Amino acid sequence: MSSATLSKQDRRSYTRKQAFLGLAKVPALSPTTTQLLGRLARRNCEVHELAVLIERDPLLSAQILGIANSAAFGRSHPISSIQHAIAMIGLGAVRKFALARSISNLFGKRKIAPSFSVTRFNLHSVATGMFLELLAEMVPLEDAEDAFLAGLFHDVGKLVIAVAMPEQYETIVTASAVTCESHLESERRMLQIDHAELSALAVDYWGLGESIRTAAEYHHEPDNAPAALGKISLAMAVSQIDRLVNAAGMSLLPAPPMVEMPPLAFEGFELDQDLLIERFAAEWTTAGAMFR
């Protein structure tokens, strides 16, 4: 029976089932990628250790060597070793690039929705992760050690939709532009599921941990996320940082940046937002350039 002959309620169930089936197209993490994510999620990674992990992934190695040898880094003599590339680019920037590309590379050979930009997806995800990692140094975040990965994976459900359901993704983008409803509302109306739930399911499938899964699932409804007493939930932090990053113009779909950044407000906690943005800008100069 085709979906056209189903009742309205049955069509909703059918559409949601199709969305779940799309998860079957999500590739499993390789042992190398799992090691990369587990080790690089922590900031105290040594150059040699990072080089050894990257060298196990030929595609990632080629990408990092390509960046190190690009005109952007002013190289006149070829760099052929990963360790030299890390020294040239910087440990922090390479760490962030390796984390982000390890995920988007999984989908590299798959057909993707034409309007979906992997570059913008990576920029947004890494910027969110960087902000969260810096935020964790300034206020008490629950599961602070997972801050970067929580930012990196919060929107991976959008990538799942673009890869597993490219036609539906394009329809959602168009419908959102025409109706002026949010993408989240369009997803829920058309798929009976949203990218936050799909992000959580993908994180669970990859076995990346409950804190990262919860942050992804509730980042649009952070008040519903559990939080330890005296700490800010990762979901609440992701929600507010996500909004800040989008307002700065680093959104998945191009959007004009706001004149004023939305305030970060965590009840019961003080935060120097200007200092946070200043520290982010200093790190982003190098890290952001790697994804362009």
Protein backbone atom coordinates (compact mmCIF):
# COMPACT_ATOMS: atom_id res chain seq x y z
CA MET A 1 0.00 0.00 0.00
CA SER A 2 1.36 3.41 -0.92
CA SER A 3 1.58 6.23 1.61
CA ALA A 4 -0.94 8.20 -0.48
CA THR A 5 -3.75 5.75 0.41
CA LEU A 6 -3.13 5.86 4.16
CA SER A 7 -5.23 7.81 6.64
CA LYS A 8 -3.79 10.96 8.17
CA GLN A 9 -2.87 9.16 11.39
CA ASP A 10 -1.38 6.22 9.49
CA ARG A 11 0.62 8.61 7.29
CA ARG A 12 2.13 10.17 10.42
CA SER A 13 3.10 6.75 11.76
CA TYR A 14 4.46 5.77 8.33
CA THR A 15 6.53 8.96 8.05
CA ARG A 16 7.97 8.57 11.54
CA LYS A 17 8.83 4.95 10.78
CA GLN A 18 10.65 6.06 7.61
CA ALA A 19 12.64 8.54 9.67
CA PHE A 20 13.66 5.78 12.08
CA LEU A 21 14.60 3.53 9.17
CA GLY A 22 16.86 6.33 7.98
CA LEU A 23 19.05 5.63 11.00
CA ALA A 24 19.93 2.32 9.39
CA LYS A 25 21.90 4.35 6.85
CA VAL A 26 24.06 5.85 9.59
CA PRO A 27 27.48 4.19 9.39
CA ALA A 28 29.03 2.64 12.46
CA LEU A 29 32.09 4.23 14.02
CA SER A 30 35.34 2.51 13.15
CA PRO A 31 37.67 1.53 16.03
CA THR A 32 39.99 4.36 14.94
CA THR A 33 37.20 6.93 15.05
CA THR A 34 36.03 5.66 18.42
CA GLN A 35 39.57 6.04 19.78
CA LEU A 36 39.85 9.52 18.28
CA LEU A 37 36.61 10.69 19.82
CA GLY A 38 37.33 9.16 23.20
CA ARG A 39 40.85 10.57 23.49
CA LEU A 40 40.47 13.89 21.71
CA ALA A 41 37.40 14.85 23.71
CA ARG A 42 39.86 15.81 26.44
CA ARG A 43 41.98 18.93 26.01
CA ASN A 44 45.15 17.41 27.53
CA CYS A 45 46.18 15.46 24.44
CA GLU A 46 49.88 15.22 23.53
CA VAL A 47 51.15 16.00 20.01
CA HIS A 48 52.66 12.54 19.53
CA GLU A 49 49.49 10.82 20.75
CA LEU A 50 47.31 12.88 18.41
CA ALA A 51 49.65 12.20 15.47
CA VAL A 52 49.53 8.43 16.05
CA LEU A 53 45.71 8.43 16.15
CA ILE A 54 45.37 10.57 13.01
CA GLU A 55 47.89 8.48 11.05
CA ARG A 56 45.56 5.49 11.43
CA ASP A 57 42.96 7.31 9.31
CA PRO A 58 44.28 7.85 5.75
CA LEU A 59 41.53 10.29 4.72
CA LEU A 60 41.88 12.43 7.83
CA SER A 61 45.67 12.39 7.46
CA ALA A 62 45.40 13.61 3.86
CA GLN A 63 43.02 16.40 4.86
CA ILE A 64 45.30 17.68 7.62
CA LEU A 65 48.41 17.51 5.43
CA GLY A 66 46.48 19.37 2.72
CA ILE A 67 45.66 22.17 5.15
CA ALA A 68 49.24 22.36 6.47
CA ASN A 69 50.53 22.67 2.90
CA SER A 70 47.90 25.20 1.80
CA ALA A 71 48.64 28.80 0.93
CA ALA A 72 46.60 29.84 3.96
CA PHE A 73 49.43 28.65 6.19
CA GLY A 74 52.14 30.15 4.04
CA ARG A 75 54.13 27.03 3.32
CA SER A 76 56.73 27.04 0.56
CA HIS A 77 58.27 23.68 1.52
CA PRO A 78 56.09 20.54 1.63
CA ILE A 79 55.05 19.07 4.96
CA SER A 80 54.84 15.29 4.82
CA SER A 81 54.45 14.21 8.43
CA ILE A 82 51.37 14.55 10.63
CA GLN A 83 53.46 15.54 13.63
CA HIS A 84 55.03 18.38 11.63
CA ALA A 85 51.56 19.43 10.42
CA ILE A 86 50.28 19.56 14.00
CA ALA A 87 53.26 21.68 15.06
CA MET A 88 52.60 24.01 12.12
CA ILE A 89 48.84 24.40 12.54
CA GLY A 90 48.59 24.05 16.30
CA LEU A 91 47.53 21.20 18.57
CA GLY A 92 44.20 22.76 19.58
CA ALA A 93 43.08 23.53 16.03
CA VAL A 94 44.05 20.10 14.68
CA ARG A 95 42.30 18.40 17.60
CA LYS A 96 39.03 20.20 16.82
CA PHE A 97 39.35 19.57 13.08
CA ALA A 98 40.04 15.86 13.62
CA LEU A 99 37.00 15.50 15.87
CA ALA A 100 34.64 17.21 13.43
CA ARG A 101 35.93 15.61 10.24
CA SER A 102 35.88 12.15 11.81
CA ILE A 103 32.09 12.39 11.84
CA SER A 104 31.39 14.13 8.53
CA ASN A 105 33.90 11.82 6.78
CA LEU A 106 31.66 8.89 7.73
CA PHE A 107 29.06 10.23 5.29
CA GLY A 108 31.54 11.34 2.63
CA LYS A 109 30.57 8.77 -0.04
CA ARG A 110 26.84 9.07 0.46
CA LYS A 111 24.38 11.15 -1.51
CA ILE A 112 23.34 14.21 0.45
CA ALA A 113 20.62 16.84 0.11
CA PRO A 114 21.83 19.52 -2.37
CA SER A 115 21.23 22.46 -0.02
CA PHE A 116 23.03 20.83 2.92
CA SER A 117 26.52 22.26 3.44
CA VAL A 118 28.95 19.96 5.24
CA THR A 119 31.30 22.94 5.60
CA ARG A 120 28.70 25.04 7.40
CA PHE A 121 27.64 22.03 9.46
CA ASN A 122 31.21 21.53 10.64
CA LEU A 123 31.70 25.24 11.33
CA HIS A 124 28.55 25.40 13.43
CA SER A 125 29.26 22.18 15.30
CA VAL A 126 32.88 23.02 16.10
CA ALA A 127 32.04 26.61 17.11
CA THR A 128 29.36 25.30 19.48
CA GLY A 129 31.76 22.74 20.93
CA MET A 130 34.51 25.33 21.39
CA PHE A 131 32.19 27.76 23.14
CA LEU A 132 30.96 25.00 25.45
CA GLU A 133 34.47 23.89 26.32
CA LEU A 134 35.41 27.46 27.23
CA LEU A 135 32.13 27.93 29.10
CA ALA A 136 32.93 24.86 31.20
CA GLU A 137 36.03 26.68 32.48
CA MET A 138 33.95 29.64 33.65
CA VAL A 139 30.78 28.12 35.16
CA PRO A 140 30.01 24.71 36.72
CA LEU A 141 28.68 22.53 33.91
CA GLU A 142 27.39 19.05 34.59
CA ASP A 143 29.51 16.47 32.73
CA ALA A 144 31.92 19.25 31.74
CA GLU A 145 34.39 16.73 30.30
CA ASP A 146 31.85 16.01 27.53
CA ALA A 147 31.23 19.67 26.68
CA PHE A 148 33.01 19.71 23.32
CA LEU A 149 31.42 16.47 22.09
CA ALA A 150 28.00 17.65 23.24
CA GLY A 151 28.40 20.69 21.00
CA LEU A 152 29.80 18.62 18.16
CA PHE A 153 26.89 16.15 18.09
CA HIS A 154 23.87 18.25 19.06
CA ASP A 155 22.78 18.78 15.44
CA VAL A 156 24.01 15.54 13.88
CA GLY A 157 20.35 14.62 13.38
CA LYS A 158 20.21 17.26 10.64
CA LEU A 159 23.03 15.44 8.86
CA VAL A 160 21.13 12.16 9.28
CA ILE A 161 18.04 13.68 7.64
CA ALA A 162 20.09 15.20 4.80
CA VAL A 163 21.79 11.85 4.08
CA ALA A 164 19.02 9.35 4.82
CA MET A 165 16.09 11.46 3.56
CA PRO A 166 17.49 14.07 1.14
CA GLU A 167 14.15 14.81 -0.55
CA GLN A 168 12.41 15.34 2.78
CA TYR A 169 15.26 17.57 3.92
CA GLU A 170 14.83 19.82 0.89
CA THR A 171 11.07 19.93 1.46
CA ILE A 172 11.62 20.95 5.08
CA VAL A 173 14.00 23.74 4.08
CA THR A 174 11.51 25.03 1.49
CA ALA A 175 8.50 24.73 3.79
CA SER A 176 10.28 26.57 6.58
CA ALA A 177 11.18 29.43 4.24
CA VAL A 178 7.63 29.69 2.86
CA THR A 179 5.69 29.32 6.11
CA CYS A 180 8.22 31.16 8.33
CA GLU A 181 7.98 28.35 10.87
CA SER A 182 11.19 27.09 12.42
CA HIS A 183 13.02 24.12 10.91
CA LEU A 184 12.24 22.23 14.11
CA GLU A 185 8.52 22.83 13.63
CA SER A 186 8.73 21.81 9.97
CA GLU A 187 10.59 18.62 10.91
CA ARG A 188 7.99 17.69 13.51
CA ARG A 189 5.10 18.44 11.17
CA MET A 190 6.52 16.60 8.17
CA LEU A 191 8.53 13.77 9.73
CA GLN A 192 6.75 13.33 13.08
CA ILE A 193 10.24 13.49 14.58
CA ASP A 194 12.89 16.22 14.83
CA HIS A 195 16.64 16.45 14.45
CA ALA A 196 17.17 16.62 18.23
CA GLU A 197 15.59 13.19 18.72
CA LEU A 198 17.50 11.81 15.73
CA SER A 199 20.73 13.28 17.12
CA ALA A 200 20.10 11.48 20.42
CA LEU A 201 19.38 8.21 18.61
CA ALA A 202 22.58 8.52 16.55
CA VAL A 203 24.64 9.29 19.67
CA ASP A 204 23.10 6.27 21.37
CA TYR A 205 23.84 4.11 18.31
CA TRP A 206 27.47 5.23 18.39
CA GLY A 207 27.70 4.57 22.13
CA LEU A 208 29.02 8.03 22.95
CA GLY A 209 27.52 8.29 26.40
CA GLU A 210 24.36 9.32 28.22
CA SER A 211 25.38 12.94 28.89
CA ILE A 212 26.00 13.64 25.19
CA ARG A 213 22.77 11.86 24.23
CA THR A 214 20.72 13.82 26.76
CA ALA A 215 22.24 17.15 25.69
CA ALA A 216 21.34 16.41 22.06
CA GLU A 217 17.81 15.25 22.85
CA TYR A 218 16.87 18.23 25.02
CA HIS A 219 18.84 21.12 23.53
CA HIS A 220 15.60 22.66 22.20
CA GLU A 221 13.74 21.91 25.44
CA PRO A 222 16.50 22.30 28.05
CA ASP A 223 14.11 22.83 30.96
CA ASN A 224 13.07 19.18 30.57
CA ALA A 225 16.64 17.89 30.95
CA PRO A 226 17.78 16.57 34.33
CA ALA A 227 20.54 18.53 36.08
CA ALA A 228 22.62 17.99 39.19
CA LEU A 229 22.12 20.42 42.06
CA GLY A 230 24.44 23.39 41.80
CA LYS A 231 25.37 22.76 38.16
CA ILE A 232 24.13 23.78 34.72
CA SER A 233 22.91 20.93 32.55
CA LEU A 234 24.75 20.31 29.28
CA ALA A 235 21.41 20.57 27.48
CA MET A 236 20.85 24.10 28.85
CA ALA A 237 24.39 25.11 27.94
CA VAL A 238 24.07 23.67 24.42
CA SER A 239 20.71 25.40 23.95
CA GLN A 240 22.04 28.85 24.79
CA ILE A 241 25.39 28.49 23.03
CA ASP A 242 23.64 27.12 19.93
CA ARG A 243 21.52 30.28 19.84
CA LEU A 244 24.60 32.46 20.27
CA VAL A 245 26.51 30.71 17.48
CA ASN A 246 23.54 30.99 15.11
CA ALA A 247 23.19 34.69 15.91
CA ALA A 248 26.86 35.18 15.07
CA GLY A 249 26.16 33.93 11.53
CA MET A 250 27.60 30.42 11.97
CA SER A 251 24.34 28.62 11.30
CA LEU A 252 23.73 25.61 9.07
CA LEU A 253 21.80 27.73 6.58
CA PRO A 254 23.16 31.20 5.76
CA ALA A 255 21.54 33.88 7.89
CA PRO A 256 22.41 37.53 8.55
CA PRO A 257 24.27 37.97 11.85
CA MET A 258 22.55 39.94 14.59
CA VAL A 259 23.86 43.35 15.60
CA GLU A 260 23.79 42.33 19.26
CA MET A 261 24.55 38.87 20.57
CA PRO A 262 21.77 37.28 22.66
CA PRO A 263 22.69 37.22 26.36
CA LEU A 264 23.74 34.00 28.04
CA ALA A 265 21.74 33.71 31.24
CA PHE A 266 22.08 30.78 33.62
CA GLU A 267 19.92 31.26 36.69
CA GLY A 268 22.02 31.41 39.85
CA PHE A 269 25.34 31.69 38.01
CA GLU A 270 27.36 34.71 36.94
CA LEU A 271 29.17 34.74 33.62
CA ASP A 272 31.42 37.28 31.90
CA GLN A 273 30.00 36.86 28.39
CA ASP A 274 32.38 39.41 26.85
CA LEU A 275 35.38 37.48 28.17
CA LEU A 276 33.91 34.21 26.87
CA ILE A 277 33.48 35.67 23.39
CA GLU A 278 36.95 37.19 23.50
CA ARG A 279 38.52 33.84 24.39
CA PHE A 280 36.52 32.10 21.68
CA ALA A 281 37.57 34.64 19.05
CA ALA A 282 41.24 34.10 19.90
CA GLU A 283 40.94 30.32 19.38
CA TRP A 284 38.62 30.54 16.38
CA THR A 285 41.12 32.49 14.24
CA THR A 286 43.03 29.29 13.49
CA ALA A 287 40.43 26.58 14.09
CA GLY A 288 37.75 28.20 11.94
CA ALA A 289 40.11 28.70 9.01
CA MET A 290 40.62 24.93 8.73
CA PHE A 291 37.01 24.35 7.69
CA ARG A 292 36.74 26.98 4.98
